[in-house]
Amino acid sequence: MTLTLTQVEPVADPAERVAELERRLAEHQAVAEQRIIRAELKAEAIRAGMVDLDGLKLVDAGAVTLDPAGDVVGVGEAIRGLRRTKPWLFGAGNSSHPAGAPAAEPPKAKSATEMSYAEWQTARAELLKRR
Protein backbone atom coordinates (compact mmCIF):
# COMPACT_ATOMS: atom_id res chain seq x y z
CA MET A 1 0.00 0.00 0.00
CA THR A 2 1.43 3.34 -0.97
CA LEU A 3 0.52 6.61 0.60
CA THR A 4 0.25 9.67 -1.55
CA LEU A 5 0.22 13.16 -0.21
CA THR A 6 -2.25 15.55 -1.71
CA GLN A 7 -1.07 19.00 -2.42
CA VAL A 8 -2.50 21.55 0.00
CA GLU A 9 -3.72 24.78 -1.52
CA PRO A 10 -1.92 27.77 -0.11
CA VAL A 11 -4.15 29.97 2.01
CA ALA A 12 -4.29 33.51 0.70
CA ASP A 13 -5.21 35.08 4.02
CA PRO A 14 -5.09 32.91 7.15
CA ALA A 15 -7.31 35.36 9.05
CA GLU A 16 -10.06 35.01 6.43
CA ARG A 17 -9.75 31.22 6.57
CA VAL A 18 -10.03 31.24 10.36
CA ALA A 19 -13.05 33.55 10.21
CA GLU A 20 -14.72 31.28 7.65
CA LEU A 21 -14.08 28.16 9.73
CA GLU A 22 -15.38 29.83 12.89
CA ARG A 23 -18.54 30.89 11.04
CA ARG A 24 -19.10 27.32 9.78
CA LEU A 25 -18.47 25.93 13.28
CA ALA A 26 -21.04 28.32 14.74
CA GLU A 27 -23.58 27.22 12.10
CA HIS A 28 -23.00 23.54 12.89
CA GLN A 29 -23.30 24.18 16.63
CA ALA A 30 -26.59 26.03 16.11
CA VAL A 31 -27.98 23.17 14.02
CA ALA A 32 -26.91 20.61 16.66
CA GLU A 33 -28.52 22.65 19.45
CA GLN A 34 -31.78 22.90 17.50
CA ARG A 35 -31.81 19.13 16.98
CA ILE A 36 -31.29 18.53 20.70
CA ILE A 37 -34.09 20.95 21.55
CA ARG A 38 -36.45 19.29 19.02
CA ALA A 39 -35.67 15.86 20.45
CA GLU A 40 -36.41 17.03 24.00
CA LEU A 41 -39.64 18.68 22.85
CA LYS A 42 -40.74 15.46 21.14
CA ALA A 43 -39.97 13.37 24.21
CA GLU A 44 -41.85 15.73 26.52
CA ALA A 45 -44.79 15.95 24.10
CA ILE A 46 -45.09 12.15 24.00
CA ARG A 47 -44.99 12.00 27.81
CA ALA A 48 -47.69 14.68 27.94
CA GLY A 49 -49.89 12.64 25.58
CA MET A 50 -49.69 14.74 22.42
CA VAL A 51 -51.76 13.04 19.76
CA ASP A 52 -49.97 14.52 16.72
CA LEU A 53 -46.35 15.70 16.93
CA ASP A 54 -47.01 18.16 14.11
CA GLY A 55 -48.44 20.32 16.89
CA LEU A 56 -44.87 21.00 18.02
CA LYS A 57 -44.69 23.58 15.24
CA LEU A 58 -46.90 25.73 17.47
CA VAL A 59 -44.40 25.78 20.36
CA ASP A 60 -42.54 29.03 20.92
CA ALA A 61 -39.00 27.91 20.09
CA GLY A 62 -37.48 30.97 21.74
CA ALA A 63 -38.75 29.80 25.14
CA VAL A 64 -36.65 26.62 25.00
CA THR A 65 -32.87 26.99 25.30
CA LEU A 66 -29.72 25.07 26.12
CA ASP A 67 -27.87 26.06 29.28
CA PRO A 68 -24.05 26.07 29.45
CA ALA A 69 -24.06 22.53 30.88
CA GLY A 70 -25.92 21.28 27.79
CA ASP A 71 -29.26 20.72 29.51
CA VAL A 72 -32.45 21.86 27.79
CA VAL A 73 -34.33 24.49 29.79
CA GLY A 74 -37.99 25.43 29.40
CA VAL A 75 -39.30 22.30 27.68
CA GLY A 76 -41.85 21.45 30.37
CA GLU A 77 -43.17 25.00 30.52
CA ALA A 78 -43.47 25.17 26.72
CA ILE A 79 -45.45 21.90 26.54
CA ARG A 80 -47.65 22.91 29.49
CA GLY A 81 -48.35 26.24 27.78
CA LEU A 82 -49.24 24.47 24.55
CA ARG A 83 -51.47 22.05 26.45
CA ARG A 84 -53.23 24.98 28.13
CA THR A 85 -53.79 26.91 24.87
CA LYS A 86 -54.42 23.95 22.51
CA PRO A 87 -55.87 21.11 24.63
CA TRP A 88 -57.26 19.23 21.61
CA LEU A 89 -53.69 18.31 20.62
CA PHE A 90 -53.36 16.10 23.68
CA GLY A 91 -54.89 12.83 24.82
CA ALA A 92 -54.18 11.09 28.09
CA GLY A 93 -50.62 11.50 29.32
CA ASN A 94 -48.34 8.49 29.57
CA SER A 95 -44.77 8.24 30.74
CA SER A 96 -43.66 4.90 29.37
CA HIS A 97 -45.82 3.44 26.64
CA PRO A 98 -48.39 5.00 24.30
CA ALA A 99 -50.88 2.12 24.69
CA GLY A 100 -53.08 2.03 27.76
CA ALA A 101 -53.52 -0.91 30.09
CA PRO A 102 -56.34 -3.29 29.21
CA ALA A 103 -59.53 -3.09 31.25
CA ALA A 104 -59.70 -5.55 34.11
CA GLU A 105 -62.43 -8.04 33.25
CA PRO A 106 -62.95 -11.56 34.52
CA PRO A 107 -62.70 -14.22 31.81
CA LYS A 108 -66.03 -14.77 30.14
CA ALA A 109 -67.42 -18.30 30.28
CA LYS A 110 -68.10 -19.93 26.95
CA SER A 111 -71.77 -20.54 26.27
CA ALA A 112 -72.98 -24.05 25.41
CA THR A 113 -74.25 -22.72 22.08
CA GLU A 114 -70.71 -21.57 21.21
CA MET A 115 -69.17 -24.99 21.97
CA SER A 116 -68.65 -27.95 19.68
CA TYR A 117 -70.25 -31.23 20.70
CA ALA A 118 -66.94 -32.57 22.07
CA GLU A 119 -66.33 -29.39 24.09
CA TRP A 120 -69.86 -29.56 25.46
CA GLN A 121 -69.37 -33.22 26.50
CA THR A 122 -66.14 -32.32 28.34
CA ALA A 123 -67.72 -29.31 30.09
CA ARG A 124 -70.77 -31.39 31.05
CA ALA A 125 -68.57 -34.11 32.51
CA GLU A 126 -66.66 -31.50 34.58
CA LEU A 127 -69.91 -30.09 35.94
CA LEU A 128 -71.25 -33.55 36.84
CA LYS A 129 -68.02 -34.36 38.71
CA ARG A 130 -68.49 -31.36 41.00
CA ARG A 131 -71.93 -32.52 42.14
C-alpha atoms as a PDB file:
ATOM      1  CA  MET A   1       0.000   0.000   0.000  1.00  0.00           C
ATOM      2  CA  THR A   2       1.432   3.338  -0.967  1.00  0.00           C
ATOM      3  CA  LEU A   3       0.523   6.614   0.595  1.00  0.00           C
ATOM      4  CA  THR A   4       0.252   9.669  -1.550  1.00  0.00           C
ATOM      5  CA  LEU A   5       0.220  13.159  -0.214  1.00  0.00           C
ATOM      6  CA  THR A   6      -2.252  15.552  -1.714  1.00  0.00           C
ATOM      7  CA  GLN A   7      -1.072  19.002  -2.417  1.00  0.00           C
ATOM      8  CA  VAL A   8      -2.503  21.551  -0.003  1.00  0.00           C
ATOM      9  CA  GLU A   9      -3.718  24.783  -1.517  1.00  0.00           C
ATOM     10  CA  PRO A  10      -1.918  27.768  -0.113  1.00  0.00           C
ATOM     11  CA  VAL A  11      -4.153  29.966   2.008  1.00  0.00           C
ATOM     12  CA  ALA A  12      -4.289  33.513   0.702  1.00  0.00           C
ATOM     13  CA  ASP A  13      -5.211  35.078   4.015  1.00  0.00           C
ATOM     14  CA  PRO A  14      -5.093  32.912   7.146  1.00  0.00           C
ATOM     15  CA  ALA A  15      -7.306  35.362   9.049  1.00  0.00           C
ATOM     16  CA  GLU A  16     -10.063  35.010   6.432  1.00  0.00           C
ATOM     17  CA  ARG A  17      -9.754  31.221   6.567  1.00  0.00           C
ATOM     18  CA  VAL A  18     -10.025  31.237  10.361  1.00  0.00           C
ATOM     19  CA  ALA A  19     -13.051  33.545  10.213  1.00  0.00           C
ATOM     20  CA  GLU A  20     -14.725  31.278   7.646  1.00  0.00           C
ATOM     21  CA  LEU A  21     -14.076  28.157   9.726  1.00  0.00           C
ATOM     22  CA  GLU A  22     -15.375  29.831  12.888  1.00  0.00           C
ATOM     23  CA  ARG A  23     -18.539  30.886  11.037  1.00  0.00           C
ATOM     24  CA  ARG A  24     -19.096  27.325   9.784  1.00  0.00           C
ATOM     25  CA  LEU A  25     -18.466  25.928  13.278  1.00  0.00           C
ATOM     26  CA  ALA A  26     -21.045  28.322  14.741  1.00  0.00           C
ATOM     27  CA  GLU A  27     -23.576  27.218  12.102  1.00  0.00           C
ATOM     28  CA  HIS A  28     -23.001  23.539  12.889  1.00  0.00           C
ATOM     29  CA  GLN A  29     -23.300  24.175  16.627  1.00  0.00           C
ATOM     30  CA  ALA A  30     -26.592  26.033  16.114  1.00  0.00           C
ATOM     31  CA  VAL A  31     -27.980  23.165  14.020  1.00  0.00           C
ATOM     32  CA  ALA A  32     -26.907  20.610  16.656  1.00  0.00           C
ATOM     33  CA  GLU A  33     -28.520  22.649  19.452  1.00  0.00           C
ATOM     34  CA  GLN A  34     -31.783  22.897  17.496  1.00  0.00           C
ATOM     35  CA  ARG A  35     -31.811  19.125  16.979  1.00  0.00           C
ATOM     36  CA  ILE A  36     -31.286  18.531  20.696  1.00  0.00           C
ATOM     37  CA  ILE A  37     -34.091  20.951  21.549  1.00  0.00           C
ATOM     38  CA  ARG A  38     -36.454  19.294  19.019  1.00  0.00           C
ATOM     39  CA  ALA A  39     -35.672  15.856  20.446  1.00  0.00           C
ATOM     40  CA  GLU A  40     -36.410  17.034  23.998  1.00  0.00           C
ATOM     41  CA  LEU A  41     -39.635  18.678  22.848  1.00  0.00           C
ATOM     42  CA  LYS A  42     -40.738  15.459  21.145  1.00  0.00           C
ATOM     43  CA  ALA A  43     -39.974  13.368  24.212  1.00  0.00           C
ATOM     44  CA  GLU A  44     -41.854  15.730  26.519  1.00  0.00           C
ATOM     45  CA  ALA A  45     -44.793  15.948  24.104  1.00  0.00           C
ATOM     46  CA  ILE A  46     -45.088  12.154  23.996  1.00  0.00           C
ATOM     47  CA  ARG A  47     -44.986  12.004  27.809  1.00  0.00           C
ATOM     48  CA  ALA A  48     -47.689  14.678  27.944  1.00  0.00           C
ATOM     49  CA  GLY A  49     -49.887  12.643  25.579  1.00  0.00           C
ATOM     50  CA  MET A  50     -49.693  14.742  22.418  1.00  0.00           C
ATOM     51  CA  VAL A  51     -51.764  13.044  19.757  1.00  0.00           C
ATOM     52  CA  ASP A  52     -49.968  14.517  16.719  1.00  0.00           C
ATOM     53  CA  LEU A  53     -46.351  15.700  16.935  1.00  0.00           C
ATOM     54  CA  ASP A  54     -47.007  18.164  14.111  1.00  0.00           C
ATOM     55  CA  GLY A  55     -48.444  20.320  16.888  1.00  0.00           C
ATOM     56  CA  LEU A  56     -44.870  20.997  18.023  1.00  0.00           C
ATOM     57  CA  LYS A  57     -44.694  23.584  15.244  1.00  0.00           C
ATOM     58  CA  LEU A  58     -46.900  25.732  17.473  1.00  0.00           C
ATOM     59  CA  VAL A  59     -44.396  25.778  20.359  1.00  0.00           C
ATOM     60  CA  ASP A  60     -42.544  29.035  20.921  1.00  0.00           C
ATOM     61  CA  ALA A  61     -39.002  27.906  20.088  1.00  0.00           C
ATOM     62  CA  GLY A  62     -37.483  30.973  21.744  1.00  0.00           C
ATOM     63  CA  ALA A  63     -38.748  29.802  25.142  1.00  0.00           C
ATOM     64  CA  VAL A  64     -36.652  26.617  24.996  1.00  0.00           C
ATOM     65  CA  THR A  65     -32.869  26.987  25.300  1.00  0.00           C
ATOM     66  CA  LEU A  66     -29.722  25.068  26.121  1.00  0.00           C
ATOM     67  CA  ASP A  67     -27.872  26.057  29.282  1.00  0.00           C
ATOM     68  CA  PRO A  68     -24.049  26.073  29.454  1.00  0.00           C
ATOM     69  CA  ALA A  69     -24.063  22.528  30.879  1.00  0.00           C
ATOM     70  CA  GLY A  70     -25.916  21.277  27.789  1.00  0.00           C
ATOM     71  CA  ASP A  71     -29.261  20.723  29.506  1.00  0.00           C
ATOM     72  CA  VAL A  72     -32.450  21.857  27.792  1.00  0.00           C
ATOM     73  CA  VAL A  73     -34.327  24.494  29.788  1.00  0.00           C
ATOM     74  CA  GLY A  74     -37.990  25.433  29.395  1.00  0.00           C
ATOM     75  CA  VAL A  75     -39.301  22.300  27.685  1.00  0.00           C
ATOM     76  CA  GLY A  76     -41.850  21.451  30.373  1.00  0.00           C
ATOM     77  CA  GLU A  77     -43.172  25.001  30.518  1.00  0.00           C
ATOM     78  CA  ALA A  78     -43.475  25.168  26.724  1.00  0.00           C
ATOM     79  CA  ILE A  79     -45.453  21.904  26.540  1.00  0.00           C
ATOM     80  CA  ARG A  80     -47.655  22.915  29.487  1.00  0.00           C
ATOM     81  CA  GLY A  81     -48.353  26.244  27.775  1.00  0.00           C
ATOM     82  CA  LEU A  82     -49.242  24.471  24.548  1.00  0.00           C
ATOM     83  CA  ARG A  83     -51.475  22.048  26.448  1.00  0.00           C
ATOM     84  CA  ARG A  84     -53.230  24.975  28.125  1.00  0.00           C
ATOM     85  CA  THR A  85     -53.787  26.911  24.873  1.00  0.00           C
ATOM     86  CA  LYS A  86     -54.425  23.955  22.511  1.00  0.00           C
ATOM     87  CA  PRO A  87     -55.873  21.111  24.627  1.00  0.00           C
ATOM     88  CA  TRP A  88     -57.256  19.230  21.608  1.00  0.00           C
ATOM     89  CA  LEU A  89     -53.686  18.311  20.617  1.00  0.00           C
ATOM     90  CA  PHE A  90     -53.362  16.097  23.684  1.00  0.00           C
ATOM     91  CA  GLY A  91     -54.892  12.834  24.823  1.00  0.00           C
ATOM     92  CA  ALA A  92     -54.183  11.089  28.093  1.00  0.00           C
ATOM     93  CA  GLY A  93     -50.616  11.497  29.321  1.00  0.00           C
ATOM     94  CA  ASN A  94     -48.342   8.489  29.573  1.00  0.00           C
ATOM     95  CA  SER A  95     -44.772   8.237  30.742  1.00  0.00           C
ATOM     96  CA  SER A  96     -43.659   4.902  29.371  1.00  0.00           C
ATOM     97  CA  HIS A  97     -45.822   3.445  26.638  1.00  0.00           C
ATOM     98  CA  PRO A  98     -48.392   4.999  24.300  1.00  0.00           C
ATOM     99  CA  ALA A  99     -50.878   2.120  24.689  1.00  0.00           C
ATOM    100  CA  GLY A 100     -53.079   2.027  27.763  1.00  0.00           C
ATOM    101  CA  ALA A 101     -53.517  -0.907  30.089  1.00  0.00           C
ATOM    102  CA  PRO A 102     -56.342  -3.292  29.212  1.00  0.00           C
ATOM    103  CA  ALA A 103     -59.526  -3.090  31.253  1.00  0.00           C
ATOM    104  CA  ALA A 104     -59.704  -5.552  34.109  1.00  0.00           C
ATOM    105  CA  GLU A 105     -62.434  -8.040  33.247  1.00  0.00           C
ATOM    106  CA  PRO A 106     -62.950 -11.560  34.515  1.00  0.00           C
ATOM    107  CA  PRO A 107     -62.700 -14.223  31.811  1.00  0.00           C
ATOM    108  CA  LYS A 108     -66.034 -14.767  30.142  1.00  0.00           C
ATOM    109  CA  ALA A 109     -67.423 -18.295  30.284  1.00  0.00           C
ATOM    110  CA  LYS A 110     -68.100 -19.926  26.950  1.00  0.00           C
ATOM    111  CA  SER A 111     -71.769 -20.545  26.273  1.00  0.00           C
ATOM    112  CA  ALA A 112     -72.985 -24.050  25.414  1.00  0.00           C
ATOM    113  CA  THR A 113     -74.252 -22.717  22.082  1.00  0.00           C
ATOM    114  CA  GLU A 114     -70.715 -21.575  21.214  1.00  0.00           C
ATOM    115  CA  MET A 115     -69.170 -24.994  21.967  1.00  0.00           C
ATOM    116  CA  SER A 116     -68.655 -27.945  19.680  1.00  0.00           C
ATOM    117  CA  TYR A 117     -70.255 -31.225  20.698  1.00  0.00           C
ATOM    118  CA  ALA A 118     -66.937 -32.567  22.074  1.00  0.00           C
ATOM    119  CA  GLU A 119     -66.333 -29.387  24.091  1.00  0.00           C
ATOM    120  CA  TRP A 120     -69.864 -29.559  25.456  1.00  0.00           C
ATOM    121  CA  GLN A 121     -69.373 -33.218  26.498  1.00  0.00           C
ATOM    122  CA  THR A 122     -66.141 -32.319  28.340  1.00  0.00           C
ATOM    123  CA  ALA A 123     -67.720 -29.311  30.091  1.00  0.00           C
ATOM    124  CA  ARG A 124     -70.774 -31.387  31.054  1.00  0.00           C
ATOM    125  CA  ALA A 125     -68.570 -34.110  32.506  1.00  0.00           C
ATOM    126  CA  GLU A 126     -66.664 -31.503  34.581  1.00  0.00           C
ATOM    127  CA  LEU A 127     -69.912 -30.089  35.936  1.00  0.00           C
ATOM    128  CA  LEU A 128     -71.249 -33.545  36.844  1.00  0.00           C
ATOM    129  CA  LYS A 129     -68.020 -34.358  38.712  1.00  0.00           C
ATOM    130  CA  ARG A 130     -68.491 -31.363  40.996  1.00  0.00           C
ATOM    131  CA  ARG A 131     -71.933 -32.518  42.136  1.00  0.00           C
END
